[in-house]
Amino acid sequence: MTNINPIHDTPPVFGASNAKPLKTGETDSFGATLNKALDKPQETESERAPANALMEIASKELNIVNTSDIVSGKTNALLEMLDAYVAKLNDPGVPLKNIAPVLEEINTEAGGLLKETQLLADADAALKKIATQTIVTAQTEYLKFQRGDYL
């Protein structure tokens, strides 16, 4: 029978080396490097070469976008979606069933824009006003469509 869990063996002593002795002809490069590093005398602060401070690395691809840029982009996209909605609504060949998914997407975008608009600072009051008016228009059109005003 095989001895699976040797509970009667003596546990290794803390701090004792469990390393296997090297066979003849083998080199312990890590051990040799470690011993060299430990044998070196410690350099003092004045002997060390001064390290150059790292300078800021500019990225060509990194474009930091602030909240007002996000809101203006989303407002522009929502206005374009509303324009497309009006064009479909005025086209008698487009059934209302085809317009409903477009209006759902407009309502979803308006909700997302509302959350972003609330993050704007007081300095962007004009943008906040335009975005809010666009959101109100989109949500009003959604309610009118759901209510059946265009039947």
N, C-alpha and C. Protein backbone atom coordinates (compact mmCIF):
# COMPACT_ATOMS: atom_id res chain seq x y z
N MET A 1 0.83 -1.18 0.00
CA MET A 1 0.00 0.00 0.00
C MET A 1 0.88 1.25 0.00
N THR A 2 0.42 2.27 -0.70
CA THR A 2 1.21 3.49 -0.85
C THR A 2 0.95 4.43 0.32
N ASN A 3 1.97 5.08 0.76
CA ASN A 3 1.86 6.03 1.85
C ASN A 3 1.44 7.38 1.26
N ILE A 4 0.14 7.73 1.41
CA ILE A 4 -0.41 8.92 0.78
C ILE A 4 -0.12 10.17 1.58
N ASN A 5 -0.38 10.13 2.85
CA ASN A 5 -0.21 11.31 3.68
C ASN A 5 0.75 10.98 4.81
N PRO A 6 2.01 11.28 4.66
CA PRO A 6 2.98 10.91 5.70
C PRO A 6 2.87 11.86 6.90
N ILE A 7 2.05 11.54 7.85
CA ILE A 7 1.85 12.42 9.00
C ILE A 7 2.92 12.22 10.07
N HIS A 8 3.67 11.14 9.97
CA HIS A 8 4.69 10.90 10.98
C HIS A 8 6.04 11.45 10.58
N ASP A 9 6.16 11.98 9.35
CA ASP A 9 7.43 12.57 8.95
C ASP A 9 7.63 13.87 9.70
N THR A 10 8.84 14.25 9.91
CA THR A 10 9.12 15.50 10.60
C THR A 10 8.94 16.64 9.62
N PRO A 11 8.26 17.69 10.05
CA PRO A 11 8.06 18.83 9.14
C PRO A 11 9.38 19.55 8.92
N PRO A 12 9.51 20.23 7.79
CA PRO A 12 10.76 20.95 7.53
C PRO A 12 10.92 22.09 8.52
N VAL A 13 12.13 22.35 8.88
CA VAL A 13 12.45 23.43 9.82
C VAL A 13 12.36 24.75 9.07
N PHE A 14 11.73 25.74 9.72
CA PHE A 14 11.58 27.05 9.09
C PHE A 14 12.96 27.66 8.88
N GLY A 15 13.21 28.10 7.69
CA GLY A 15 14.48 28.74 7.39
C GLY A 15 15.50 27.76 6.83
N ALA A 16 15.24 26.49 6.94
CA ALA A 16 16.17 25.51 6.41
C ALA A 16 16.00 25.44 4.90
N SER A 17 17.03 25.16 4.20
CA SER A 17 16.99 25.09 2.76
C SER A 17 16.44 23.75 2.30
N ASN A 18 15.45 23.79 1.43
CA ASN A 18 14.89 22.58 0.85
C ASN A 18 15.45 22.33 -0.54
N ALA A 19 16.46 23.12 -0.91
CA ALA A 19 17.02 23.00 -2.25
C ALA A 19 17.78 21.70 -2.38
N LYS A 20 17.66 21.10 -3.53
CA LYS A 20 18.37 19.86 -3.82
C LYS A 20 19.81 20.22 -4.18
N PRO A 21 20.74 19.44 -3.74
CA PRO A 21 22.13 19.73 -4.12
C PRO A 21 22.31 19.53 -5.62
N LEU A 22 23.15 20.38 -6.19
CA LEU A 22 23.41 20.30 -7.62
C LEU A 22 24.27 19.10 -7.93
N LYS A 23 23.98 18.48 -9.04
CA LYS A 23 24.82 17.38 -9.51
C LYS A 23 26.09 17.97 -10.09
N THR A 24 27.10 17.22 -10.18
CA THR A 24 28.35 17.74 -10.72
C THR A 24 28.16 18.10 -12.18
N GLY A 25 28.70 19.21 -12.57
CA GLY A 25 28.58 19.66 -13.94
C GLY A 25 27.43 20.65 -14.13
N GLU A 26 26.48 20.73 -13.20
CA GLU A 26 25.38 21.68 -13.32
C GLU A 26 25.80 23.01 -12.71
N THR A 27 25.29 24.08 -13.29
CA THR A 27 25.60 25.39 -12.74
C THR A 27 24.32 26.01 -12.21
N ASP A 28 24.45 26.73 -11.15
CA ASP A 28 23.31 27.41 -10.53
C ASP A 28 23.46 28.89 -10.84
N SER A 29 23.02 29.31 -12.04
CA SER A 29 23.23 30.69 -12.48
C SER A 29 22.48 31.68 -11.60
N PHE A 30 21.27 31.34 -11.18
CA PHE A 30 20.54 32.24 -10.31
C PHE A 30 21.25 32.40 -8.98
N GLY A 31 21.66 31.28 -8.43
CA GLY A 31 22.36 31.33 -7.15
C GLY A 31 23.66 32.11 -7.25
N ALA A 32 24.37 31.93 -8.35
CA ALA A 32 25.63 32.65 -8.53
C ALA A 32 25.37 34.15 -8.65
N THR A 33 24.35 34.53 -9.38
CA THR A 33 24.01 35.94 -9.55
C THR A 33 23.56 36.53 -8.22
N LEU A 34 22.77 35.78 -7.47
CA LEU A 34 22.31 36.26 -6.17
C LEU A 34 23.48 36.45 -5.22
N ASN A 35 24.39 35.51 -5.22
CA ASN A 35 25.55 35.64 -4.34
C ASN A 35 26.41 36.83 -4.71
N LYS A 36 26.57 37.09 -6.01
CA LYS A 36 27.33 38.27 -6.44
C LYS A 36 26.67 39.54 -5.96
N ALA A 37 25.34 39.59 -6.08
CA ALA A 37 24.62 40.80 -5.67
C ALA A 37 24.71 41.00 -4.16
N LEU A 38 24.68 39.92 -3.42
CA LEU A 38 24.76 40.03 -1.96
C LEU A 38 26.17 40.36 -1.49
N ASP A 39 27.18 39.95 -2.23
CA ASP A 39 28.56 40.21 -1.85
C ASP A 39 29.01 41.63 -2.18
N LYS A 40 28.27 42.33 -3.06
CA LYS A 40 28.64 43.70 -3.43
C LYS A 40 28.47 44.60 -2.22
N PRO A 41 29.38 45.54 -2.02
CA PRO A 41 29.16 46.52 -0.95
C PRO A 41 28.03 47.46 -1.36
N GLN A 42 27.22 47.85 -0.40
CA GLN A 42 26.09 48.73 -0.67
C GLN A 42 26.59 50.11 -1.06
N GLU A 43 26.00 50.67 -2.14
CA GLU A 43 26.37 52.01 -2.58
C GLU A 43 25.68 53.02 -1.69
N THR A 44 26.33 54.10 -1.45
CA THR A 44 25.71 55.17 -0.67
C THR A 44 24.93 56.06 -1.62
N GLU A 45 24.12 56.91 -1.06
CA GLU A 45 23.28 57.79 -1.87
C GLU A 45 24.12 58.70 -2.76
N SER A 46 25.27 59.16 -2.27
CA SER A 46 26.08 60.09 -3.05
C SER A 46 26.79 59.40 -4.20
N GLU A 47 27.01 58.09 -4.11
CA GLU A 47 27.71 57.37 -5.17
C GLU A 47 26.80 57.03 -6.34
N ARG A 48 25.53 57.00 -6.11
CA ARG A 48 24.59 56.64 -7.18
C ARG A 48 24.50 57.76 -8.20
N ALA A 49 24.30 57.38 -9.42
CA ALA A 49 24.11 58.37 -10.49
C ALA A 49 22.71 58.94 -10.36
N PRO A 50 22.55 60.22 -10.54
CA PRO A 50 21.21 60.80 -10.41
C PRO A 50 20.31 60.29 -11.53
N ALA A 51 19.13 59.91 -11.15
CA ALA A 51 18.17 59.43 -12.14
C ALA A 51 17.42 60.61 -12.73
N ASN A 52 17.27 60.59 -14.02
CA ASN A 52 16.52 61.66 -14.67
C ASN A 52 15.05 61.45 -14.41
N ALA A 53 14.36 62.52 -14.10
CA ALA A 53 12.92 62.44 -13.86
C ALA A 53 12.21 62.14 -15.17
N LEU A 54 11.19 61.34 -15.08
CA LEU A 54 10.43 61.02 -16.28
C LEU A 54 9.60 62.22 -16.71
N MET A 55 9.62 62.49 -17.95
CA MET A 55 8.83 63.58 -18.49
C MET A 55 7.50 63.02 -18.99
N GLU A 56 6.53 63.86 -19.15
CA GLU A 56 5.23 63.43 -19.66
C GLU A 56 5.37 62.98 -21.10
N ILE A 57 4.73 61.87 -21.40
CA ILE A 57 4.78 61.33 -22.75
C ILE A 57 3.46 61.67 -23.43
N ALA A 58 3.54 62.41 -24.49
CA ALA A 58 2.34 62.81 -25.21
C ALA A 58 1.95 61.71 -26.18
N SER A 59 0.67 61.44 -26.26
CA SER A 59 0.17 60.43 -27.17
C SER A 59 -0.49 61.11 -28.35
N LYS A 60 -0.20 60.61 -29.53
CA LYS A 60 -0.81 61.17 -30.72
C LYS A 60 -2.26 60.74 -30.86
N GLU A 61 -2.58 59.56 -30.33
CA GLU A 61 -3.91 58.99 -30.49
C GLU A 61 -4.86 59.33 -29.35
N LEU A 62 -4.37 59.89 -28.26
CA LEU A 62 -5.19 60.15 -27.10
C LEU A 62 -5.92 61.47 -27.24
N ASN A 63 -7.22 61.41 -27.31
CA ASN A 63 -8.04 62.61 -27.35
C ASN A 63 -8.96 62.59 -26.14
N ILE A 64 -8.74 63.50 -25.24
CA ILE A 64 -9.57 63.56 -24.04
C ILE A 64 -10.83 64.32 -24.39
N VAL A 65 -11.96 63.70 -24.11
CA VAL A 65 -13.25 64.28 -24.44
C VAL A 65 -13.93 64.68 -23.14
N ASN A 66 -14.37 65.92 -23.08
CA ASN A 66 -15.06 66.35 -21.87
C ASN A 66 -16.56 66.17 -22.03
N THR A 67 -17.29 66.40 -20.96
CA THR A 67 -18.72 66.14 -20.93
C THR A 67 -19.47 67.00 -21.94
N SER A 68 -19.05 68.26 -22.11
CA SER A 68 -19.77 69.12 -23.06
C SER A 68 -19.63 68.61 -24.49
N ASP A 69 -18.47 68.03 -24.83
CA ASP A 69 -18.31 67.45 -26.17
C ASP A 69 -19.22 66.24 -26.36
N ILE A 70 -19.34 65.44 -25.32
CA ILE A 70 -20.22 64.26 -25.38
C ILE A 70 -21.66 64.70 -25.56
N VAL A 71 -22.09 65.69 -24.77
CA VAL A 71 -23.47 66.16 -24.84
C VAL A 71 -23.76 66.79 -26.19
N SER A 72 -22.83 67.59 -26.70
CA SER A 72 -23.10 68.22 -28.00
C SER A 72 -23.16 67.18 -29.11
N GLY A 73 -22.33 66.15 -29.04
CA GLY A 73 -22.37 65.08 -30.03
C GLY A 73 -23.66 64.29 -29.96
N LYS A 74 -24.10 63.97 -28.74
CA LYS A 74 -25.34 63.21 -28.58
C LYS A 74 -26.55 64.06 -28.96
N THR A 75 -26.49 65.36 -28.67
CA THR A 75 -27.59 66.25 -29.05
C THR A 75 -27.70 66.32 -30.57
N ASN A 76 -26.56 66.45 -31.23
CA ASN A 76 -26.54 66.48 -32.69
C ASN A 76 -27.10 65.18 -33.27
N ALA A 77 -26.70 64.05 -32.70
CA ALA A 77 -27.19 62.75 -33.17
C ALA A 77 -28.70 62.64 -32.97
N LEU A 78 -29.19 63.11 -31.82
CA LEU A 78 -30.63 63.05 -31.54
C LEU A 78 -31.41 63.95 -32.51
N LEU A 79 -30.86 65.12 -32.81
CA LEU A 79 -31.53 66.00 -33.78
C LEU A 79 -31.58 65.35 -35.16
N GLU A 80 -30.52 64.67 -35.56
CA GLU A 80 -30.52 63.98 -36.85
C GLU A 80 -31.54 62.84 -36.85
N MET A 81 -31.66 62.14 -35.73
CA MET A 81 -32.66 61.08 -35.64
C MET A 81 -34.07 61.66 -35.73
N LEU A 82 -34.29 62.81 -35.11
CA LEU A 82 -35.60 63.46 -35.18
C LEU A 82 -35.91 63.91 -36.62
N ASP A 83 -34.91 64.39 -37.33
CA ASP A 83 -35.10 64.78 -38.73
C ASP A 83 -35.50 63.57 -39.57
N ALA A 84 -34.82 62.44 -39.35
CA ALA A 84 -35.17 61.22 -40.09
C ALA A 84 -36.58 60.76 -39.72
N TYR A 85 -36.95 60.89 -38.47
CA TYR A 85 -38.29 60.52 -38.01
C TYR A 85 -39.36 61.38 -38.69
N VAL A 86 -39.12 62.68 -38.78
CA VAL A 86 -40.08 63.59 -39.41
C VAL A 86 -40.22 63.25 -40.90
N ALA A 87 -39.10 62.92 -41.55
CA ALA A 87 -39.15 62.56 -42.97
C ALA A 87 -39.98 61.30 -43.17
N LYS A 88 -39.81 60.30 -42.28
CA LYS A 88 -40.60 59.07 -42.38
C LYS A 88 -42.06 59.33 -42.06
N LEU A 89 -42.31 60.21 -41.12
CA LEU A 89 -43.69 60.52 -40.73
C LEU A 89 -44.44 61.24 -41.85
N ASN A 90 -43.73 62.08 -42.61
CA ASN A 90 -44.35 62.82 -43.71
C ASN A 90 -44.48 61.99 -44.98
N ASP A 91 -43.80 60.86 -45.05
CA ASP A 91 -43.86 60.00 -46.23
C ASP A 91 -45.08 59.09 -46.11
N PRO A 92 -46.08 59.24 -47.00
CA PRO A 92 -47.29 58.41 -46.90
C PRO A 92 -47.03 56.94 -47.23
N GLY A 93 -45.91 56.63 -47.85
CA GLY A 93 -45.61 55.25 -48.20
C GLY A 93 -45.01 54.45 -47.05
N VAL A 94 -44.65 55.12 -45.96
CA VAL A 94 -44.04 54.42 -44.81
C VAL A 94 -45.14 54.17 -43.78
N PRO A 95 -45.42 52.89 -43.49
CA PRO A 95 -46.45 52.61 -42.48
C PRO A 95 -45.95 52.94 -41.07
N LEU A 96 -46.91 53.19 -40.18
CA LEU A 96 -46.56 53.56 -38.81
C LEU A 96 -45.82 52.43 -38.08
N LYS A 97 -46.04 51.20 -38.49
CA LYS A 97 -45.34 50.08 -37.87
C LYS A 97 -43.83 50.17 -38.08
N ASN A 98 -43.42 50.74 -39.21
CA ASN A 98 -42.00 50.91 -39.49
C ASN A 98 -41.39 52.09 -38.73
N ILE A 99 -42.24 53.01 -38.31
CA ILE A 99 -41.75 54.20 -37.61
C ILE A 99 -41.58 53.92 -36.12
N ALA A 100 -42.34 53.00 -35.57
CA ALA A 100 -42.30 52.72 -34.13
C ALA A 100 -40.90 52.35 -33.62
N PRO A 101 -40.15 51.46 -34.28
CA PRO A 101 -38.80 51.15 -33.76
C PRO A 101 -37.86 52.36 -33.77
N VAL A 102 -38.01 53.21 -34.77
CA VAL A 102 -37.19 54.42 -34.85
C VAL A 102 -37.48 55.31 -33.66
N LEU A 103 -38.75 55.44 -33.34
CA LEU A 103 -39.14 56.29 -32.22
C LEU A 103 -38.71 55.70 -30.88
N GLU A 104 -38.69 54.39 -30.78
CA GLU A 104 -38.18 53.75 -29.55
C GLU A 104 -36.70 54.07 -29.37
N GLU A 105 -35.96 54.01 -30.45
CA GLU A 105 -34.54 54.33 -30.39
C GLU A 105 -34.32 55.80 -30.02
N ILE A 106 -35.16 56.67 -30.57
CA ILE A 106 -35.07 58.10 -30.24
C ILE A 106 -35.33 58.31 -28.76
N ASN A 107 -36.32 57.62 -28.21
CA ASN A 107 -36.64 57.76 -26.79
C ASN A 107 -35.49 57.26 -25.91
N THR A 108 -34.86 56.17 -26.33
CA THR A 108 -33.72 55.63 -25.57
C THR A 108 -32.55 56.60 -25.60
N GLU A 109 -32.27 57.16 -26.77
CA GLU A 109 -31.18 58.13 -26.89
C GLU A 109 -31.46 59.39 -26.07
N ALA A 110 -32.72 59.80 -26.04
CA ALA A 110 -33.10 60.99 -25.26
C ALA A 110 -32.86 60.73 -23.77
N GLY A 111 -33.16 59.53 -23.29
CA GLY A 111 -32.91 59.19 -21.89
C GLY A 111 -31.42 59.21 -21.55
N GLY A 112 -30.60 58.69 -22.45
CA GLY A 112 -29.16 58.73 -22.24
C GLY A 112 -28.60 60.14 -22.27
N LEU A 113 -29.13 60.95 -23.17
CA LEU A 113 -28.70 62.34 -23.26
C LEU A 113 -29.09 63.11 -22.00
N LEU A 114 -30.25 62.79 -21.44
CA LEU A 114 -30.70 63.47 -20.22
C LEU A 114 -29.71 63.21 -19.08
N LYS A 115 -29.24 61.98 -18.96
CA LYS A 115 -28.26 61.65 -17.91
C LYS A 115 -26.96 62.41 -18.11
N GLU A 116 -26.50 62.51 -19.35
CA GLU A 116 -25.26 63.23 -19.63
C GLU A 116 -25.44 64.73 -19.41
N THR A 117 -26.61 65.25 -19.74
CA THR A 117 -26.87 66.68 -19.59
C THR A 117 -26.84 67.09 -18.12
N GLN A 118 -27.27 66.23 -17.24
CA GLN A 118 -27.26 66.54 -15.82
C GLN A 118 -25.85 66.69 -15.27
N LEU A 119 -24.85 66.15 -15.97
CA LEU A 119 -23.46 66.25 -15.53
C LEU A 119 -22.78 67.54 -15.99
N LEU A 120 -23.45 68.32 -16.81
CA LEU A 120 -22.83 69.54 -17.32
C LEU A 120 -22.66 70.57 -16.22
N ALA A 121 -21.59 71.35 -16.33
CA ALA A 121 -21.32 72.42 -15.37
C ALA A 121 -22.16 73.65 -15.71
N ASP A 122 -22.17 74.60 -14.80
CA ASP A 122 -22.94 75.83 -15.02
C ASP A 122 -22.37 76.65 -16.18
N ALA A 123 -21.12 76.45 -16.50
CA ALA A 123 -20.51 77.19 -17.61
C ALA A 123 -21.11 76.79 -18.96
N ASP A 124 -21.69 75.61 -19.03
CA ASP A 124 -22.29 75.12 -20.26
C ASP A 124 -23.81 75.28 -20.25
N ALA A 125 -24.30 76.38 -19.72
CA ALA A 125 -25.75 76.59 -19.57
C ALA A 125 -26.45 76.62 -20.92
N ALA A 126 -25.83 77.23 -21.93
CA ALA A 126 -26.46 77.32 -23.26
C ALA A 126 -26.59 75.93 -23.88
N LEU A 127 -25.55 75.13 -23.77
CA LEU A 127 -25.60 73.77 -24.30
C LEU A 127 -26.62 72.94 -23.54
N LYS A 128 -26.67 73.14 -22.24
CA LYS A 128 -27.63 72.41 -21.41
C LYS A 128 -29.06 72.75 -21.83
N LYS A 129 -29.31 74.01 -22.15
CA LYS A 129 -30.65 74.44 -22.58
C LYS A 129 -31.02 73.81 -23.91
N ILE A 130 -30.09 73.80 -24.86
CA ILE A 130 -30.36 73.21 -26.18
C ILE A 130 -30.60 71.71 -26.05
N ALA A 131 -29.77 71.04 -25.26
CA ALA A 131 -29.92 69.60 -25.08
C ALA A 131 -31.24 69.28 -24.40
N THR A 132 -31.61 70.07 -23.40
CA THR A 132 -32.87 69.83 -22.70
C THR A 132 -34.06 70.02 -23.62
N GLN A 133 -34.02 71.06 -24.45
CA GLN A 133 -35.11 71.28 -25.39
C GLN A 133 -35.21 70.14 -26.41
N THR A 134 -34.09 69.63 -26.83
CA THR A 134 -34.08 68.50 -27.77
C THR A 134 -34.66 67.25 -27.11
N ILE A 135 -34.31 67.03 -25.85
CA ILE A 135 -34.83 65.88 -25.11
C ILE A 135 -36.34 65.99 -24.94
N VAL A 136 -36.81 67.17 -24.58
CA VAL A 136 -38.24 67.37 -24.38
C VAL A 136 -38.99 67.14 -25.70
N THR A 137 -38.44 67.63 -26.81
CA THR A 137 -39.07 67.43 -28.11
C THR A 137 -39.14 65.95 -28.46
N ALA A 138 -38.05 65.23 -28.23
CA ALA A 138 -38.02 63.80 -28.55
C ALA A 138 -39.01 63.03 -27.69
N GLN A 139 -39.06 63.32 -26.40
CA GLN A 139 -39.98 62.61 -25.52
C GLN A 139 -41.44 62.98 -25.79
N THR A 140 -41.67 64.22 -26.20
CA THR A 140 -43.03 64.63 -26.56
C THR A 140 -43.50 63.89 -27.80
N GLU A 141 -42.64 63.78 -28.80
CA GLU A 141 -43.00 63.04 -30.01
C GLU A 141 -43.25 61.57 -29.70
N TYR A 142 -42.47 61.02 -28.79
CA TYR A 142 -42.68 59.63 -28.40
C TYR A 142 -44.06 59.46 -27.77
N LEU A 143 -44.41 60.36 -26.88
CA LEU A 143 -45.72 60.29 -26.22
C LEU A 143 -46.87 60.49 -27.20
N LYS A 144 -46.72 61.44 -28.14
CA LYS A 144 -47.75 61.66 -29.12
C LYS A 144 -47.96 60.44 -30.00
N PHE A 145 -46.86 59.80 -30.38
CA PHE A 145 -46.96 58.61 -31.21
C PHE A 145 -47.63 57.47 -30.44
N GLN A 146 -47.22 57.28 -29.19
CA GLN A 146 -47.80 56.22 -28.38
C GLN A 146 -49.29 56.48 -28.09
N ARG A 147 -49.65 57.73 -27.97
CA ARG A 147 -51.04 58.10 -27.70
C ARG A 147 -51.93 57.93 -28.93
N GLY A 148 -51.32 57.94 -30.12
CA GLY A 148 -52.08 57.75 -31.34
C GLY A 148 -52.47 59.02 -32.04
N ASP A 149 -51.74 60.08 -31.81
CA ASP A 149 -52.06 61.36 -32.45
C ASP A 149 -51.88 61.31 -33.97
N TYR A 150 -51.10 60.39 -34.49
CA TYR A 150 -50.81 60.37 -35.91
C TYR A 150 -51.61 59.31 -36.69
N LEU A 151 -52.66 58.79 -36.08
CA LEU A 151 -53.48 57.79 -36.76
C LEU A 151 -54.47 58.45 -37.68
